[in-house]
Amino acid sequence: MGIPKGKKTAVLGPNGAGKTTIFLHFNGILKPTKGKIRFAGRDICYSHAFLLELRKNVGIVFQDPDTQLFSASVLQEISFGPLNLGLSRENVLRRVNQAMAATEIVELKDRPTHFLSYGQKKLVSIADILAMQPTVLICDEPTAWLDPGNAARIMDLFDRINQEGVTIIFSTHDVDLAYSWADYIFVMNQGLVAGEGIPEEVFQNESLLKEADLNKPWLIDVYDELKRKRWVVADMPPPKTRQELMSRISNSP
């Protein structure tokens, strides 16, 4: 399993497929019983010094923010990681302010973390990791239990982070999100990688989808039906967005 550098990678699979477990291996929280994890061309070793350096670069945002947040205020929470790096107070505040600005939560800095809404806690947990300035950001089901507005806000944030060169890895059960947003997809089942590829290839692989109990994204389902009825050009790849689909319908002969 090789994660493409600088890309947006989705990991799909049913409950119990191993998505969270592999994420915990990526930044050294779990140690494999066999095989190796490599980062930046080096095998991960599990000394304190190596893991500290690894976790500067590979940050993980857990599915439930309450398992990640523990400080009294938002400012204290986001400061915790940079302080542990031994940075000066000036550098810590600079990183914290940058992380809060990126996640648009500056107005929450003095709020108690336990008084925040679920969506606000999600943003604080992401700011936690951004303050460490990672090169890889791992997110375990980042849009789970969020309303559409907050889910879109978080994915827009990930787009901006990725445009700055950060590799994004996220797990999801939302095939529509994975299809439209990811550059590359891994499908896991029963602890193994069942398949991988660009979204257009993965979601046309009927046997893989059946094995992992995944549906096709609605865009592909609709496009396949339009092709069957010859309402769109058949030799074009399926659209990635609603707007692209509507444009093809409007421009069809």
Protein backbone atom coordinates (compact mmCIF):
# COMPACT_ATOMS: atom_id res chain seq x y z
CA MET A 1 0.00 0.00 0.00
CA GLY A 2 1.79 3.12 -1.24
CA ILE A 3 0.21 6.52 -0.55
CA PRO A 4 0.78 9.03 -3.39
CA LYS A 5 2.69 12.06 -2.14
CA GLY A 6 0.87 15.37 -2.33
CA LYS A 7 -2.42 13.78 -3.38
CA LYS A 8 -5.86 13.35 -1.80
CA THR A 9 -6.30 9.66 -1.02
CA ALA A 10 -9.54 8.03 0.15
CA VAL A 11 -9.69 4.69 1.97
CA LEU A 12 -13.01 2.88 1.59
CA GLY A 13 -14.37 -0.33 3.05
CA PRO A 14 -17.04 -1.76 5.33
CA ASN A 15 -16.94 -1.51 9.12
CA GLY A 16 -14.14 -3.68 10.45
CA ALA A 17 -12.20 -3.59 7.18
CA GLY A 18 -9.09 -2.21 8.90
CA LYS A 19 -9.20 1.46 7.88
CA THR A 20 -8.66 2.91 11.36
CA THR A 21 -6.10 0.24 12.21
CA ILE A 22 -3.92 1.05 9.20
CA PHE A 23 -4.11 4.76 10.05
CA LEU A 24 -2.85 4.05 13.58
CA HIS A 25 0.10 2.23 12.02
CA PHE A 26 0.90 5.18 9.76
CA ASN A 27 2.03 7.44 12.61
CA GLY A 28 3.37 4.77 14.91
CA ILE A 29 0.54 4.46 17.43
CA LEU A 30 0.36 0.77 16.53
CA LYS A 31 3.33 -1.42 15.62
CA PRO A 32 2.89 -4.13 12.96
CA THR A 33 3.34 -7.76 14.01
CA LYS A 34 4.80 -8.45 10.58
CA GLY A 35 5.82 -6.32 7.63
CA LYS A 36 7.10 -2.74 7.78
CA ILE A 37 5.78 0.81 7.57
CA ARG A 38 7.93 3.22 5.58
CA PHE A 39 7.83 7.01 5.57
CA ALA A 40 9.88 9.23 3.26
CA GLY A 41 11.94 6.24 2.16
CA ARG A 42 12.80 5.08 5.69
CA ASP A 43 11.50 2.16 7.73
CA ILE A 44 9.68 3.39 10.81
CA CYS A 45 11.44 2.46 14.02
CA TYR A 46 9.79 2.85 17.39
CA SER A 47 12.31 4.80 19.44
CA HIS A 48 11.03 7.88 21.23
CA ALA A 49 13.12 10.21 19.05
CA PHE A 50 12.00 8.65 15.77
CA LEU A 51 8.31 8.62 16.74
CA LEU A 52 8.49 12.27 17.82
CA GLU A 53 9.90 13.21 14.42
CA LEU A 54 7.37 11.00 12.63
CA ARG A 55 4.42 12.58 14.43
CA LYS A 56 5.64 16.05 13.56
CA ASN A 57 5.17 15.05 9.93
CA VAL A 58 2.24 12.62 10.07
CA GLY A 59 -0.75 13.92 12.01
CA ILE A 60 -3.99 12.04 12.60
CA VAL A 61 -7.44 13.48 13.29
CA PHE A 62 -9.64 10.91 14.99
CA GLN A 63 -13.26 10.30 14.03
CA ASP A 64 -14.60 11.39 17.42
CA PRO A 65 -13.04 14.72 18.45
CA ASP A 66 -13.84 14.06 22.12
CA THR A 67 -11.11 11.40 22.11
CA GLN A 68 -8.59 14.03 20.98
CA LEU A 69 -9.51 17.21 22.87
CA PHE A 70 -8.57 17.48 26.54
CA SER A 71 -7.43 21.06 27.34
CA ALA A 72 -9.63 23.63 29.07
CA SER A 73 -9.77 26.16 26.22
CA VAL A 74 -9.36 26.12 22.46
CA LEU A 75 -6.17 28.20 22.68
CA GLN A 76 -4.63 25.84 25.22
CA GLU A 77 -5.70 22.82 23.19
CA ILE A 78 -4.06 23.95 19.95
CA SER A 79 -0.95 25.15 21.81
CA PHE A 80 -0.28 21.76 23.38
CA GLY A 81 1.44 20.11 20.41
CA PRO A 82 3.78 22.98 19.46
CA LEU A 83 4.72 23.50 23.14
CA ASN A 84 5.80 19.86 23.31
CA LEU A 85 8.12 20.50 20.38
CA GLY A 86 10.06 22.90 22.60
CA LEU A 87 9.31 25.94 20.45
CA SER A 88 9.53 29.47 21.80
CA ARG A 89 6.33 31.09 23.02
CA GLU A 90 6.44 33.43 20.02
CA ASN A 91 6.65 30.53 17.55
CA VAL A 92 3.93 28.60 19.37
CA LEU A 93 1.54 31.56 19.18
CA ARG A 94 2.38 32.08 15.51
CA ARG A 95 1.57 28.45 14.67
CA VAL A 96 -1.60 28.49 16.77
CA ASN A 97 -2.85 31.68 15.15
CA GLN A 98 -2.13 30.29 11.68
CA ALA A 99 -3.99 27.06 12.49
CA MET A 100 -7.00 28.94 13.90
CA ALA A 101 -7.07 31.24 10.88
CA ALA A 102 -6.91 28.29 8.47
CA THR A 103 -9.82 26.55 10.21
CA GLU A 104 -11.72 29.84 10.72
CA ILE A 105 -12.09 29.39 14.48
CA VAL A 106 -10.24 32.49 15.76
CA GLU A 107 -13.40 33.66 17.54
CA LEU A 108 -13.44 30.41 19.54
CA LYS A 109 -9.94 30.73 21.02
CA ASP A 110 -11.08 31.48 24.58
CA ARG A 111 -14.05 29.11 24.57
CA PRO A 112 -14.01 25.99 26.78
CA THR A 113 -13.62 22.98 24.50
CA HIS A 114 -16.42 21.07 26.24
CA PHE A 115 -18.91 23.84 25.35
CA LEU A 116 -18.28 23.58 21.61
CA SER A 117 -20.65 22.03 19.09
CA TYR A 118 -19.64 18.78 17.42
CA GLY A 119 -18.71 20.60 14.19
CA GLN A 120 -16.62 23.15 16.11
CA LYS A 121 -14.82 20.33 17.93
CA LYS A 122 -13.99 18.76 14.58
CA LEU A 123 -12.40 22.02 13.41
CA VAL A 124 -10.43 22.39 16.65
CA SER A 125 -9.13 18.83 16.34
CA ILE A 126 -7.95 19.62 12.80
CA ALA A 127 -6.34 22.87 13.99
CA ASP A 128 -4.58 20.78 16.66
CA ILE A 129 -2.77 18.88 13.93
CA LEU A 130 -2.22 21.84 11.59
CA ALA A 131 -0.33 23.64 14.37
CA MET A 132 2.24 20.84 14.15
CA GLN A 133 2.73 21.73 10.44
CA PRO A 134 2.57 18.14 9.16
CA THR A 135 3.42 17.01 5.65
CA VAL A 136 0.74 14.28 5.87
CA LEU A 137 -2.72 14.75 7.37
CA ILE A 138 -4.74 11.61 8.15
CA CYS A 139 -8.45 11.97 8.89
CA ASP A 140 -10.63 9.11 10.08
CA GLU A 141 -14.11 9.71 8.62
CA PRO A 142 -13.85 13.53 8.77
CA THR A 143 -17.47 14.18 7.75
CA ALA A 144 -19.12 11.54 9.97
CA TRP A 145 -22.13 12.88 11.90
CA LEU A 146 -21.79 16.34 10.36
CA ASP A 147 -24.54 18.28 8.62
CA PRO A 148 -23.93 19.02 4.91
CA GLY A 149 -22.77 22.58 5.57
CA ASN A 150 -20.10 21.64 8.09
CA ALA A 151 -19.04 18.65 5.99
CA ALA A 152 -18.51 20.91 2.96
CA ARG A 153 -16.61 23.39 5.13
CA ILE A 154 -14.19 20.70 6.26
CA MET A 155 -13.63 19.35 2.75
CA ASP A 156 -13.00 22.89 1.47
CA LEU A 157 -10.43 23.26 4.24
CA PHE A 158 -8.74 20.02 3.16
CA ASP A 159 -8.62 21.32 -0.41
CA ARG A 160 -6.76 24.43 0.74
CA ILE A 161 -4.37 22.37 2.86
CA ASN A 162 -3.68 20.02 -0.04
CA GLN A 163 -2.99 22.95 -2.36
CA GLU A 164 -0.18 23.91 0.03
CA GLY A 165 1.46 20.54 -0.62
CA VAL A 166 0.14 18.48 2.30
CA THR A 167 -0.78 14.87 1.53
CA ILE A 168 -4.35 14.13 2.65
CA ILE A 169 -5.49 10.60 3.58
CA PHE A 170 -9.06 10.07 4.74
CA SER A 171 -11.41 7.20 5.34
CA THR A 172 -15.09 7.41 4.52
CA HIS A 173 -18.23 5.39 3.84
CA ASP A 174 -19.42 8.13 1.48
CA VAL A 175 -18.72 6.81 -2.02
CA ASP A 176 -20.01 10.04 -3.60
CA LEU A 177 -17.48 12.07 -1.62
CA ALA A 178 -14.62 9.69 -2.42
CA TYR A 179 -15.46 9.68 -6.13
CA SER A 180 -15.76 13.44 -6.55
CA TRP A 181 -12.96 14.53 -4.22
CA ALA A 182 -10.16 11.98 -4.07
CA ASP A 183 -7.27 11.66 -6.52
CA TYR A 184 -6.67 8.03 -5.57
CA ILE A 185 -8.63 5.34 -3.74
CA PHE A 186 -7.82 2.23 -1.74
CA VAL A 187 -10.57 -0.29 -1.00
CA MET A 188 -10.04 -2.41 2.12
CA ASN A 189 -11.83 -5.57 3.18
CA GLN A 190 -11.11 -7.94 6.07
CA GLY A 191 -7.83 -6.22 6.89
CA LEU A 192 -6.45 -6.36 3.36
CA VAL A 193 -6.25 -3.99 0.40
CA ALA A 194 -8.85 -5.43 -1.97
CA GLY A 195 -8.22 -2.91 -4.75
CA GLU A 196 -6.84 0.50 -5.60
CA GLY A 197 -6.74 3.04 -8.41
CA ILE A 198 -8.07 6.35 -9.60
CA PRO A 199 -11.76 6.87 -8.74
CA GLU A 200 -13.01 6.33 -12.30
CA GLU A 201 -11.38 2.88 -12.39
CA VAL A 202 -12.31 1.75 -8.88
CA PHE A 203 -15.99 2.56 -9.25
CA GLN A 204 -16.27 0.77 -12.58
CA ASN A 205 -14.90 -2.43 -11.03
CA GLU A 206 -18.14 -4.30 -10.33
CA SER A 207 -16.52 -7.30 -8.64
CA LEU A 208 -14.46 -5.11 -6.30
CA LEU A 209 -17.50 -3.07 -5.29
CA LYS A 210 -19.48 -6.23 -4.61
CA GLU A 211 -16.65 -7.75 -2.55
CA ALA A 212 -16.39 -4.64 -0.36
CA ASP A 213 -20.17 -4.08 -0.23
CA LEU A 214 -19.89 -0.64 -1.85
CA ASN A 215 -22.40 1.11 -4.07
CA LYS A 216 -21.54 3.08 -7.17
CA PRO A 217 -21.60 6.87 -6.78
CA TRP A 218 -24.88 8.35 -7.96
CA LEU A 219 -23.10 10.32 -10.70
CA ILE A 220 -21.85 7.11 -12.31
CA ASP A 221 -25.25 5.41 -11.97
CA VAL A 222 -27.01 8.34 -13.64
CA TYR A 223 -24.35 8.67 -16.33
CA ASP A 224 -24.51 4.96 -17.15
CA GLU A 225 -28.27 5.26 -17.61
CA LEU A 226 -27.86 8.34 -19.83
CA LYS A 227 -25.33 6.46 -21.96
CA ARG A 228 -27.68 3.50 -22.23
CA LYS A 229 -30.37 5.82 -23.56
CA ARG A 230 -27.81 7.57 -25.81
CA TRP A 231 -28.48 10.95 -24.27
CA VAL A 232 -24.75 11.63 -23.79
CA VAL A 233 -21.56 10.73 -25.66
CA ALA A 234 -20.71 7.17 -24.65
CA ASP A 235 -16.91 7.27 -25.02
CA MET A 236 -16.29 9.98 -22.41
CA PRO A 237 -15.32 9.16 -18.80
CA PRO A 238 -18.07 9.74 -16.22
CA PRO A 239 -18.37 13.26 -14.78
CA LYS A 240 -16.89 14.03 -11.35
CA THR A 241 -19.35 16.76 -10.32
CA ARG A 242 -23.03 17.61 -10.65
CA GLN A 243 -22.10 20.70 -12.68
CA GLU A 244 -20.09 18.62 -15.13
CA LEU A 245 -22.99 16.21 -15.56
CA MET A 246 -25.45 19.03 -16.26
CA SER A 247 -23.03 20.57 -18.76
CA ARG A 248 -22.75 17.30 -20.69
CA ILE A 249 -26.51 16.88 -20.77
CA SER A 250 -26.93 20.45 -22.04
CA ASN A 251 -24.30 19.95 -24.73
CA SER A 252 -25.44 16.51 -25.85
CA PRO A 253 -26.53 16.23 -29.50
